[in-house]
Amino acid sequence: MNIIQIISGFIAAALGTLAVIYTEWIVQNVGYNEWAEEKMSMWGGSRMLYKIIGVLAVLGGLLYSFDLLDKFIFGLGNVFFSSGGQ
């Protein structure tokens, strides 16, 4: 684990946090997402999509920063694709 990995992970987490906080600004400047408005309109449409992307950026940035991203991804793979008897 090196300092560049830690800094870039925290930058990604900070950008994700800003995306969640300033979702309305993003919607006003980037615009609406057609797919999100069609599929997730009950939950907020584009705003919810941008918040989900922000939360995933925070989670991914922190996991990358603490060198846990590969363990998390392989752990999910083991949960969903594990063989029955092993």
N, C-alpha and C. Protein backbone atom coordinates (compact mmCIF):
# COMPACT_ATOMS: atom_id res chain seq x y z
N MET A 1 0.86 -1.18 0.00
CA MET A 1 0.00 0.00 0.00
C MET A 1 0.90 1.23 0.00
N ASN A 2 0.68 2.10 -0.96
CA ASN A 2 1.52 3.29 -1.04
C ASN A 2 0.69 4.56 -0.86
N ILE A 3 1.38 5.66 -0.77
CA ILE A 3 0.73 6.93 -0.48
C ILE A 3 -0.16 7.39 -1.63
N ILE A 4 0.23 7.07 -2.87
CA ILE A 4 -0.59 7.46 -4.02
C ILE A 4 -1.94 6.74 -3.98
N GLN A 5 -1.92 5.48 -3.59
CA GLN A 5 -3.16 4.71 -3.48
C GLN A 5 -4.06 5.30 -2.40
N ILE A 6 -3.49 5.68 -1.29
CA ILE A 6 -4.27 6.26 -0.19
C ILE A 6 -4.87 7.60 -0.61
N ILE A 7 -4.06 8.44 -1.22
CA ILE A 7 -4.54 9.77 -1.62
C ILE A 7 -5.61 9.67 -2.69
N SER A 8 -5.38 8.82 -3.71
CA SER A 8 -6.38 8.70 -4.78
C SER A 8 -7.68 8.09 -4.27
N GLY A 9 -7.59 7.18 -3.32
CA GLY A 9 -8.80 6.61 -2.72
C GLY A 9 -9.60 7.65 -1.96
N PHE A 10 -8.89 8.49 -1.20
CA PHE A 10 -9.59 9.55 -0.46
C PHE A 10 -10.15 10.62 -1.39
N ILE A 11 -9.48 10.88 -2.50
CA ILE A 11 -10.01 11.84 -3.48
C ILE A 11 -11.30 11.29 -4.10
N ALA A 12 -11.31 10.00 -4.44
CA ALA A 12 -12.52 9.38 -4.99
C ALA A 12 -13.65 9.42 -3.97
N ALA A 13 -13.33 9.16 -2.70
CA ALA A 13 -14.36 9.20 -1.66
C ALA A 13 -14.88 10.63 -1.47
N ALA A 14 -14.00 11.61 -1.55
CA ALA A 14 -14.43 13.01 -1.41
C ALA A 14 -15.30 13.43 -2.59
N LEU A 15 -14.94 13.02 -3.80
CA LEU A 15 -15.77 13.35 -4.96
C LEU A 15 -17.13 12.68 -4.88
N GLY A 16 -17.16 11.44 -4.39
CA GLY A 16 -18.44 10.76 -4.20
C GLY A 16 -19.31 11.46 -3.16
N THR A 17 -18.68 11.94 -2.10
CA THR A 17 -19.42 12.68 -1.07
C THR A 17 -19.98 13.97 -1.64
N LEU A 18 -19.18 14.66 -2.44
CA LEU A 18 -19.68 15.89 -3.08
C LEU A 18 -20.82 15.60 -4.05
N ALA A 19 -20.75 14.47 -4.73
CA ALA A 19 -21.82 14.10 -5.66
C ALA A 19 -23.12 13.85 -4.91
N VAL A 20 -23.03 13.27 -3.73
CA VAL A 20 -24.24 13.04 -2.94
C VAL A 20 -24.78 14.35 -2.38
N ILE A 21 -23.90 15.21 -1.91
CA ILE A 21 -24.34 16.47 -1.31
C ILE A 21 -24.92 17.42 -2.36
N TYR A 22 -24.25 17.53 -3.50
CA TYR A 22 -24.65 18.49 -4.53
C TYR A 22 -25.37 17.83 -5.70
N THR A 23 -26.24 16.88 -5.42
CA THR A 23 -26.97 16.19 -6.46
C THR A 23 -27.83 17.14 -7.28
N GLU A 24 -28.47 18.08 -6.63
CA GLU A 24 -29.33 19.02 -7.36
C GLU A 24 -28.52 19.86 -8.33
N TRP A 25 -27.34 20.29 -7.94
CA TRP A 25 -26.47 21.06 -8.83
C TRP A 25 -26.08 20.21 -10.04
N ILE A 26 -25.79 18.93 -9.80
CA ILE A 26 -25.43 18.03 -10.91
C ILE A 26 -26.59 17.88 -11.87
N VAL A 27 -27.80 17.72 -11.35
CA VAL A 27 -28.98 17.57 -12.21
C VAL A 27 -29.19 18.84 -13.03
N GLN A 28 -29.02 19.99 -12.41
CA GLN A 28 -29.24 21.24 -13.13
C GLN A 28 -28.21 21.47 -14.23
N ASN A 29 -26.97 21.05 -14.01
CA ASN A 29 -25.90 21.32 -14.97
C ASN A 29 -25.67 20.20 -15.98
N VAL A 30 -25.88 18.96 -15.57
CA VAL A 30 -25.68 17.82 -16.47
C VAL A 30 -26.98 17.46 -17.16
N GLY A 31 -28.06 17.53 -16.43
CA GLY A 31 -29.36 17.21 -17.00
C GLY A 31 -29.90 15.90 -16.45
N TYR A 32 -31.06 15.55 -16.94
CA TYR A 32 -31.73 14.34 -16.50
C TYR A 32 -31.25 13.15 -17.31
N ASN A 33 -31.29 11.99 -16.69
CA ASN A 33 -30.94 10.75 -17.34
C ASN A 33 -32.24 10.07 -17.75
N GLU A 34 -32.41 9.82 -19.02
CA GLU A 34 -33.66 9.24 -19.53
C GLU A 34 -33.96 7.89 -18.90
N TRP A 35 -32.94 7.03 -18.83
CA TRP A 35 -33.15 5.69 -18.28
C TRP A 35 -33.58 5.77 -16.81
N ALA A 36 -32.91 6.62 -16.04
CA ALA A 36 -33.23 6.74 -14.63
C ALA A 36 -34.63 7.31 -14.43
N GLU A 37 -35.01 8.25 -15.26
CA GLU A 37 -36.34 8.83 -15.13
C GLU A 37 -37.42 7.80 -15.48
N GLU A 38 -37.11 6.91 -16.42
CA GLU A 38 -38.08 5.90 -16.81
C GLU A 38 -38.18 4.77 -15.79
N LYS A 39 -37.02 4.29 -15.33
CA LYS A 39 -36.99 3.10 -14.47
C LYS A 39 -37.10 3.40 -12.98
N MET A 40 -36.60 4.56 -12.54
CA MET A 40 -36.55 4.85 -11.11
C MET A 40 -37.31 6.12 -10.74
N SER A 41 -38.32 6.45 -11.51
CA SER A 41 -39.03 7.71 -11.26
C SER A 41 -39.73 7.73 -9.91
N MET A 42 -40.13 6.56 -9.42
CA MET A 42 -40.80 6.50 -8.13
C MET A 42 -39.86 6.89 -6.99
N TRP A 43 -38.55 6.65 -7.19
CA TRP A 43 -37.57 6.93 -6.13
C TRP A 43 -36.75 8.18 -6.37
N GLY A 44 -37.07 8.96 -7.35
CA GLY A 44 -36.35 10.20 -7.57
C GLY A 44 -35.63 10.29 -8.90
N GLY A 45 -35.64 9.24 -9.68
CA GLY A 45 -35.08 9.27 -11.02
C GLY A 45 -33.60 9.59 -11.07
N SER A 46 -33.27 10.66 -11.77
CA SER A 46 -31.87 11.03 -11.98
C SER A 46 -31.17 11.37 -10.67
N ARG A 47 -31.88 12.00 -9.78
CA ARG A 47 -31.26 12.36 -8.49
C ARG A 47 -30.83 11.10 -7.74
N MET A 48 -31.68 10.08 -7.74
CA MET A 48 -31.33 8.83 -7.06
C MET A 48 -30.16 8.16 -7.76
N LEU A 49 -30.12 8.18 -9.08
CA LEU A 49 -29.00 7.59 -9.81
C LEU A 49 -27.69 8.28 -9.45
N TYR A 50 -27.70 9.61 -9.42
CA TYR A 50 -26.47 10.33 -9.08
C TYR A 50 -26.05 10.08 -7.64
N LYS A 51 -27.00 9.92 -6.74
CA LYS A 51 -26.66 9.60 -5.35
C LYS A 51 -26.09 8.19 -5.23
N ILE A 52 -26.65 7.24 -5.98
CA ILE A 52 -26.12 5.87 -5.95
C ILE A 52 -24.70 5.85 -6.49
N ILE A 53 -24.45 6.57 -7.57
CA ILE A 53 -23.10 6.64 -8.13
C ILE A 53 -22.14 7.27 -7.10
N GLY A 54 -22.60 8.31 -6.39
CA GLY A 54 -21.77 8.94 -5.37
C GLY A 54 -21.45 8.01 -4.22
N VAL A 55 -22.43 7.26 -3.75
CA VAL A 55 -22.20 6.33 -2.65
C VAL A 55 -21.26 5.21 -3.09
N LEU A 56 -21.42 4.72 -4.32
CA LEU A 56 -20.50 3.70 -4.82
C LEU A 56 -19.08 4.25 -4.96
N ALA A 57 -18.95 5.52 -5.33
CA ALA A 57 -17.63 6.14 -5.42
C ALA A 57 -17.00 6.26 -4.03
N VAL A 58 -17.79 6.60 -3.03
CA VAL A 58 -17.27 6.67 -1.65
C VAL A 58 -16.82 5.29 -1.20
N LEU A 59 -17.68 4.30 -1.40
CA LEU A 59 -17.34 2.94 -0.98
C LEU A 59 -16.11 2.43 -1.72
N GLY A 60 -16.08 2.60 -3.04
CA GLY A 60 -14.94 2.14 -3.82
C GLY A 60 -13.66 2.87 -3.46
N GLY A 61 -13.76 4.18 -3.24
CA GLY A 61 -12.58 4.96 -2.87
C GLY A 61 -12.00 4.54 -1.53
N LEU A 62 -12.86 4.31 -0.56
CA LEU A 62 -12.37 3.88 0.76
C LEU A 62 -11.81 2.47 0.71
N LEU A 63 -12.47 1.59 -0.02
CA LEU A 63 -11.94 0.23 -0.14
C LEU A 63 -10.59 0.23 -0.85
N TYR A 64 -10.45 1.05 -1.88
CA TYR A 64 -9.19 1.15 -2.60
C TYR A 64 -8.11 1.77 -1.71
N SER A 65 -8.49 2.78 -0.96
CA SER A 65 -7.53 3.48 -0.11
C SER A 65 -6.94 2.56 0.95
N PHE A 66 -7.76 1.68 1.50
CA PHE A 66 -7.29 0.78 2.55
C PHE A 66 -6.90 -0.60 2.01
N ASP A 67 -6.76 -0.71 0.67
CA ASP A 67 -6.31 -1.93 0.01
C ASP A 67 -7.24 -3.11 0.29
N LEU A 68 -8.53 -2.86 0.31
CA LEU A 68 -9.52 -3.89 0.57
C LEU A 68 -10.41 -4.17 -0.63
N LEU A 69 -10.17 -3.49 -1.73
CA LEU A 69 -11.05 -3.61 -2.90
C LEU A 69 -11.03 -5.03 -3.46
N ASP A 70 -9.86 -5.61 -3.63
CA ASP A 70 -9.78 -6.96 -4.18
C ASP A 70 -10.40 -7.99 -3.23
N LYS A 71 -10.21 -7.81 -1.94
CA LYS A 71 -10.80 -8.73 -0.97
C LYS A 71 -12.32 -8.63 -0.99
N PHE A 72 -12.85 -7.41 -1.15
CA PHE A 72 -14.29 -7.21 -1.21
C PHE A 72 -14.87 -7.85 -2.46
N ILE A 73 -14.24 -7.64 -3.60
CA ILE A 73 -14.75 -8.18 -4.86
C ILE A 73 -14.67 -9.71 -4.86
N PHE A 74 -13.56 -10.28 -4.41
CA PHE A 74 -13.45 -11.73 -4.35
C PHE A 74 -14.39 -12.31 -3.30
N GLY A 75 -14.64 -11.57 -2.24
CA GLY A 75 -15.61 -12.02 -1.24
C GLY A 75 -17.02 -12.08 -1.80
N LEU A 76 -17.38 -11.07 -2.59
CA LEU A 76 -18.69 -11.12 -3.26
C LEU A 76 -18.77 -12.28 -4.24
N GLY A 77 -17.67 -12.53 -4.95
CA GLY A 77 -17.64 -13.65 -5.87
C GLY A 77 -17.82 -14.97 -5.15
N ASN A 78 -17.20 -15.12 -3.98
CA ASN A 78 -17.36 -16.35 -3.21
C ASN A 78 -18.78 -16.51 -2.70
N VAL A 79 -19.44 -15.41 -2.36
CA VAL A 79 -20.81 -15.52 -1.86
C VAL A 79 -21.75 -15.96 -2.97
N PHE A 80 -21.61 -15.37 -4.16
CA PHE A 80 -22.55 -15.64 -5.23
C PHE A 80 -22.19 -16.85 -6.08
N PHE A 81 -20.92 -17.21 -6.14
CA PHE A 81 -20.51 -18.26 -7.04
C PHE A 81 -19.79 -19.40 -6.32
N SER A 82 -20.06 -19.59 -5.05
CA SER A 82 -19.38 -20.67 -4.32
C SER A 82 -20.00 -22.00 -4.69
N SER A 83 -19.16 -23.02 -4.69
CA SER A 83 -19.67 -24.37 -4.96
C SER A 83 -20.27 -24.92 -3.67
N GLY A 84 -21.25 -25.74 -3.81
CA GLY A 84 -22.06 -26.20 -2.69
C GLY A 84 -21.31 -26.94 -1.61
N GLY A 85 -20.47 -27.91 -1.93
CA GLY A 85 -19.88 -28.75 -0.90
C GLY A 85 -18.49 -28.35 -0.45
N GLN A 86 -17.93 -27.31 -0.98
CA GLN A 86 -16.55 -27.01 -0.63
C GLN A 86 -16.42 -25.86 0.28
